[in-house]
Protein backbone atom coordinates (compact mmCIF):
# COMPACT_ATOMS: atom_id res chain seq x y z
CA MET A 1 85.49 118.93 116.90
CA THR A 2 88.89 117.21 116.64
CA SER A 3 87.93 115.81 113.26
CA LEU A 4 86.81 119.25 112.04
CA ASN A 5 90.08 120.81 113.24
CA SER A 6 91.98 118.14 111.31
CA HIS A 7 89.95 118.92 108.20
CA GLY A 8 90.58 122.61 108.82
CA LEU A 9 94.33 122.13 108.95
CA ARG A 10 94.18 120.13 105.76
CA PHE A 11 92.06 122.85 104.15
CA ALA A 12 94.48 125.59 105.22
CA PHE A 13 97.65 123.85 104.09
CA GLY A 14 96.04 122.28 101.02
CA THR A 15 94.68 125.57 99.67
CA LEU A 16 97.32 128.04 100.87
CA THR A 17 100.48 126.02 100.16
CA VAL A 18 101.73 123.36 97.75
CA LEU A 19 102.79 121.11 100.61
CA PRO A 20 101.56 117.53 100.01
CA VAL A 21 98.36 117.76 102.04
CA ARG A 22 95.10 116.33 100.71
CA VAL A 23 91.99 118.44 101.33
CA SER A 24 89.55 115.86 102.68
CA ARG A 25 86.52 118.15 103.01
CA TRP A 26 85.46 121.06 100.82
CA ASP A 27 82.52 122.66 102.60
CA ARG A 28 81.90 125.82 104.56
CA ALA A 29 82.49 124.19 107.94
CA ALA A 30 85.92 122.99 106.85
CA ALA A 31 86.55 126.39 105.24
CA ARG A 32 85.74 128.17 108.50
CA SER A 33 88.16 125.98 110.44
CA GLY A 34 90.71 126.24 107.63
CA MET A 35 90.68 130.03 107.56
CA LEU A 36 91.14 130.09 111.34
CA CYS A 37 94.17 127.82 110.82
CA ALA A 38 95.55 130.03 108.03
CA PRO A 39 98.10 131.78 110.31
CA LEU A 40 99.58 128.35 111.12
CA ALA A 41 100.15 127.76 107.43
CA GLY A 42 101.71 131.22 107.32
CA LEU A 43 103.99 130.32 110.21
CA VAL A 44 105.31 127.27 108.34
CA VAL A 45 105.82 129.29 105.15
CA GLY A 46 107.53 132.06 107.11
CA VAL A 47 109.86 129.67 108.93
CA LEU A 48 110.89 128.05 105.65
CA ALA A 49 111.46 131.47 104.05
CA ALA A 50 113.52 132.53 107.07
CA ALA A 51 115.56 129.31 106.93
CA PHE A 52 116.50 129.75 103.28
CA GLY A 53 117.32 133.42 103.72
CA SER A 54 119.35 132.90 106.89
CA LEU A 55 121.25 129.93 105.48
CA SER A 56 122.10 131.97 102.39
CA LEU A 57 123.47 134.73 104.61
CA LEU A 58 125.37 132.37 106.88
CA ALA A 59 126.84 130.60 103.83
CA GLY A 60 128.47 133.84 102.73
CA ALA A 61 125.85 135.42 100.48
CA GLY A 62 125.08 139.09 100.91
CA PRO A 63 121.84 140.45 102.41
CA LEU A 64 120.41 141.11 98.95
CA LEU A 65 120.64 137.47 97.90
CA ALA A 66 119.27 136.39 101.30
CA ALA A 67 116.33 138.75 100.78
CA VAL A 68 115.65 137.33 97.32
CA ALA A 69 115.70 133.80 98.76
CA SER A 70 113.20 134.71 101.48
CA VAL A 71 110.86 136.27 98.90
CA ALA A 72 111.22 133.37 96.48
CA VAL A 73 110.26 130.67 99.01
CA PRO A 74 106.67 131.86 99.68
CA ALA A 75 106.15 132.31 95.94
CA ALA A 76 107.36 128.76 95.31
CA LEU A 77 105.27 127.32 98.15
CA THR A 78 102.11 128.76 96.57
CA ARG A 79 103.15 128.25 92.92
CA GLY A 80 102.81 132.02 92.62
CA LEU A 81 99.06 131.77 93.23
CA HIS A 82 98.88 134.74 95.60
CA LEU A 83 101.05 136.85 93.34
CA ASP A 84 98.81 135.94 90.42
CA GLY A 85 95.79 136.96 92.49
CA LEU A 86 97.46 140.28 93.31
CA ALA A 87 98.11 140.95 89.62
CA ASP A 88 94.55 140.03 88.61
CA THR A 89 93.13 142.21 91.38
CA ALA A 90 95.27 145.13 90.24
CA ASP A 91 94.06 144.66 86.66
CA GLY A 92 90.43 144.54 87.81
CA LEU A 93 90.77 147.65 89.95
CA GLY A 94 92.79 149.48 87.34
CA SER A 95 90.34 148.73 84.54
CA GLY A 96 87.88 151.32 85.86
CA LYS A 97 85.04 149.13 84.60
CA PRO A 98 81.80 148.18 86.40
CA ALA A 99 81.96 145.21 88.75
CA GLU A 100 80.84 142.53 86.26
CA ASP A 101 83.26 143.68 83.58
CA ALA A 102 86.09 144.06 86.10
CA LEU A 103 85.51 140.51 87.33
CA ARG A 104 85.74 139.28 83.74
CA VAL A 105 89.05 141.10 83.36
CA MET A 106 90.31 139.34 86.48
CA LYS A 107 89.38 135.90 85.11
CA GLN A 108 91.45 136.35 81.95
CA SER A 109 94.62 134.29 81.86
CA ASP A 110 96.92 137.11 80.76
CA ILE A 111 98.30 139.87 82.99
CA GLY A 112 97.69 143.48 82.02
CA PRO A 113 99.86 146.55 82.63
CA PHE A 114 98.37 147.29 86.05
CA GLY A 115 99.12 143.76 87.17
CA VAL A 116 102.71 143.84 85.88
CA ILE A 117 103.47 147.18 87.53
CA THR A 118 101.89 146.10 90.82
CA LEU A 119 103.81 142.81 90.88
CA LEU A 120 107.07 144.59 90.15
CA LEU A 121 106.58 147.19 92.88
CA VAL A 122 105.40 144.70 95.50
CA LEU A 123 108.25 142.25 94.91
CA LEU A 124 110.80 145.06 94.87
CA SER A 125 109.36 146.40 98.12
CA GLN A 126 109.56 142.99 99.78
CA VAL A 127 113.15 142.41 98.64
CA ALA A 128 114.20 145.94 99.62
CA ALA A 129 112.67 145.62 103.09
CA LEU A 130 114.26 142.22 103.71
CA PHE A 131 117.58 143.54 102.42
CA GLU A 132 117.48 146.16 105.16
CA LEU A 133 116.56 143.56 107.77
CA TYR A 134 119.18 141.00 106.76
CA GLY A 135 121.69 143.83 106.61
CA ALA A 136 121.07 144.34 110.33
CA GLY A 137 121.75 140.63 110.99
CA TRP A 138 120.34 137.24 110.11
CA ALA A 139 118.00 137.23 113.13
CA HIS A 140 116.32 140.46 112.01
CA GLY A 141 115.76 139.09 108.52
CA ALA A 142 114.55 135.72 109.75
CA LEU A 143 112.08 137.27 112.19
CA GLY A 144 110.83 139.56 109.44
CA ALA A 145 110.14 136.63 107.14
CA VAL A 146 108.26 134.77 109.88
CA VAL A 147 106.16 137.76 110.93
CA ALA A 148 105.32 138.53 107.29
CA GLY A 149 104.19 134.94 106.73
CA VAL A 150 101.96 134.88 109.80
CA ALA A 151 100.48 138.35 109.24
CA ALA A 152 99.80 137.65 105.57
CA ARG A 153 97.70 134.55 106.30
CA LEU A 154 96.08 136.20 109.32
CA ALA A 155 94.78 138.81 106.87
CA LEU A 156 92.99 135.95 105.07
CA THR A 157 91.30 134.97 108.33
CA LEU A 158 89.94 138.49 108.68
CA ALA A 159 88.95 138.62 105.01
CA SER A 160 86.84 135.49 105.60
CA ARG A 161 84.89 136.99 108.51
CA GLU A 162 81.12 137.22 108.61
CA GLY A 163 79.75 140.18 106.73
CA VAL A 164 82.28 140.11 103.89
CA PRO A 165 80.35 138.78 100.86
CA ALA A 166 81.56 136.80 97.87
CA ALA A 167 81.65 138.56 94.50
CA ARG A 168 80.87 135.35 92.61
CA PRO A 169 78.70 132.33 93.44
CA GLU A 170 81.57 129.94 92.72
CA GLY A 171 85.26 129.56 93.42
CA LEU A 172 87.42 129.76 96.53
CA GLY A 173 86.07 133.18 97.44
CA ALA A 174 82.52 131.87 97.59
CA THR A 175 83.61 128.86 99.65
CA VAL A 176 85.35 130.83 102.40
CA ALA A 177 83.52 134.18 102.35
CA SER A 178 81.67 135.02 105.58
CA THR A 179 82.59 131.71 107.21
CA VAL A 180 84.58 132.97 110.21
CA PRO A 181 82.59 134.45 113.13
CA ALA A 182 83.79 137.95 113.99
CA GLY A 183 84.57 136.99 117.60
CA ARG A 184 86.76 134.08 116.57
CA ALA A 185 88.50 136.24 113.98
CA LEU A 186 89.32 138.75 116.73
CA LEU A 187 90.72 135.98 118.92
CA ALA A 188 92.88 134.82 116.02
CA VAL A 189 94.19 138.36 115.61
CA MET A 190 95.04 138.65 119.29
CA ALA A 191 96.82 135.29 119.33
CA ALA A 192 98.80 135.97 116.15
CA VAL A 193 99.82 139.49 117.18
CA ALA A 194 100.96 138.12 120.54
CA LEU A 195 103.01 135.48 118.67
CA CYS A 196 104.63 138.18 116.56
CA ALA A 197 105.44 140.19 119.68
CA ALA A 198 106.98 137.09 121.28
CA ALA A 199 109.06 136.54 118.14
CA GLY A 200 110.49 140.03 118.46
CA ALA A 201 111.03 139.80 122.23
CA PRO A 202 114.63 138.45 121.95
CA LEU A 203 115.50 141.81 120.39
CA GLY A 204 114.31 143.61 123.52
CA PRO A 205 111.09 145.38 124.58
CA TYR A 206 111.18 147.61 121.51
CA GLY A 207 111.63 144.54 119.32
CA ALA A 208 108.47 142.97 120.73
CA LEU A 209 106.48 146.18 120.19
CA HIS A 210 107.92 146.70 116.72
CA HIS A 211 106.97 143.21 115.53
CA ALA A 212 103.48 143.50 117.02
CA LEU A 213 103.03 146.84 115.23
CA ALA A 214 104.24 145.26 111.99
CA ALA A 215 101.49 142.64 112.25
CA LEU A 216 98.88 145.30 113.00
CA GLY A 217 100.14 147.46 110.16
CA ALA A 218 99.85 144.49 107.83
CA LEU A 219 96.24 143.95 108.86
CA GLY A 220 95.49 147.63 108.37
CA ALA A 221 96.86 147.62 104.81
CA ALA A 222 95.01 144.39 104.02
CA GLU A 223 91.76 145.79 105.40
CA LEU A 224 92.02 148.92 103.25
CA LEU A 225 92.48 146.81 100.12
CA LEU A 226 89.73 144.42 101.16
CA ARG A 227 87.17 147.18 101.67
CA HIS A 228 88.08 148.81 98.38
CA CYS A 229 87.64 145.50 96.55
CA VAL A 230 84.28 144.84 98.21
CA ARG A 231 83.09 148.29 97.09
CA ARG A 232 84.37 147.82 93.54
CA PHE A 233 83.53 144.17 92.93
CA GLY A 234 80.65 143.61 95.33
CA GLY A 235 82.62 141.11 97.39
CA VAL A 236 85.72 138.94 97.49
CA THR A 237 87.16 136.41 95.08
CA GLY A 238 90.11 134.06 95.22
CA ASP A 239 92.14 136.73 93.42
CA VAL A 240 91.21 139.30 96.05
CA PHE A 241 92.40 136.93 98.76
CA GLY A 242 95.75 136.69 96.97
CA GLY A 243 95.97 140.46 96.74
CA VAL A 244 95.09 140.89 100.41
CA GLU A 245 97.72 138.34 101.44
CA GLU A 246 100.50 140.00 99.44
CA ALA A 247 99.51 143.48 100.63
CA ALA A 248 99.72 142.31 104.25
CA ALA A 249 103.10 140.61 103.77
CA THR A 250 104.55 143.70 102.10
CA ALA A 251 103.22 146.08 104.74
CA ALA A 252 104.62 143.94 107.57
CA LEU A 253 108.10 143.96 106.03
CA VAL A 254 108.01 147.68 105.29
CA VAL A 255 107.03 148.50 108.89
CA LEU A 256 109.84 146.31 110.22
CA SER A 257 112.38 147.90 107.88
CA LEU A 258 111.51 151.38 109.19
CA GLY A 259 112.82 150.60 112.66
CA PRO A 260 116.20 151.76 113.94
């Protein structure tokens, strides 16, 4: 079990970040453990995003530049892979074509108009939300970046649960699809939401509730996109996972920015 957990951590960090971690096993058992460890990878990404944003603010930069820094770090730590997946998913959904043709659209290397518009709106939403949070103080912005990172990767754990099929027989989607038992996915949700609530606790009881609701809102947005993609494409792909992750991160930040 310890060995599998180690392989799972390597799988999570090796596939969800560009940190120098070698994936030592590429099978469904390692994928199951890896997707359960995904929120830990999100925590590391979120902490690094918060550090860059907060240091920018403390060094004298305005909240806008701090927000840009916190959005840029997750993109850099994934080489833009999740953003690329979001754009490809938007192109596939926006094509209006049957599943097979839509999947072919998603595999093309170029980005179509739906993908460009979606990327623009999502990145602007993330920067705008973090601008509001950093404007309220570095702690608010930092906590927002951390909660967004955790919630975004937690959405991948749920997207990997049993019963969610793969749209293709190959690729990352096929490797991780339906690997996580529903009960363990629920436990991961409970643990991660509790972590988000604890992160917001220094801001008071409302802060704890607000950050927990942000995580739940992120999962709700991700689930809506996931179900729509399963209906349209017949299952999930690596691109869909990227789209789900970015949808969750954006929703978490928007919910946090709506607070007083």
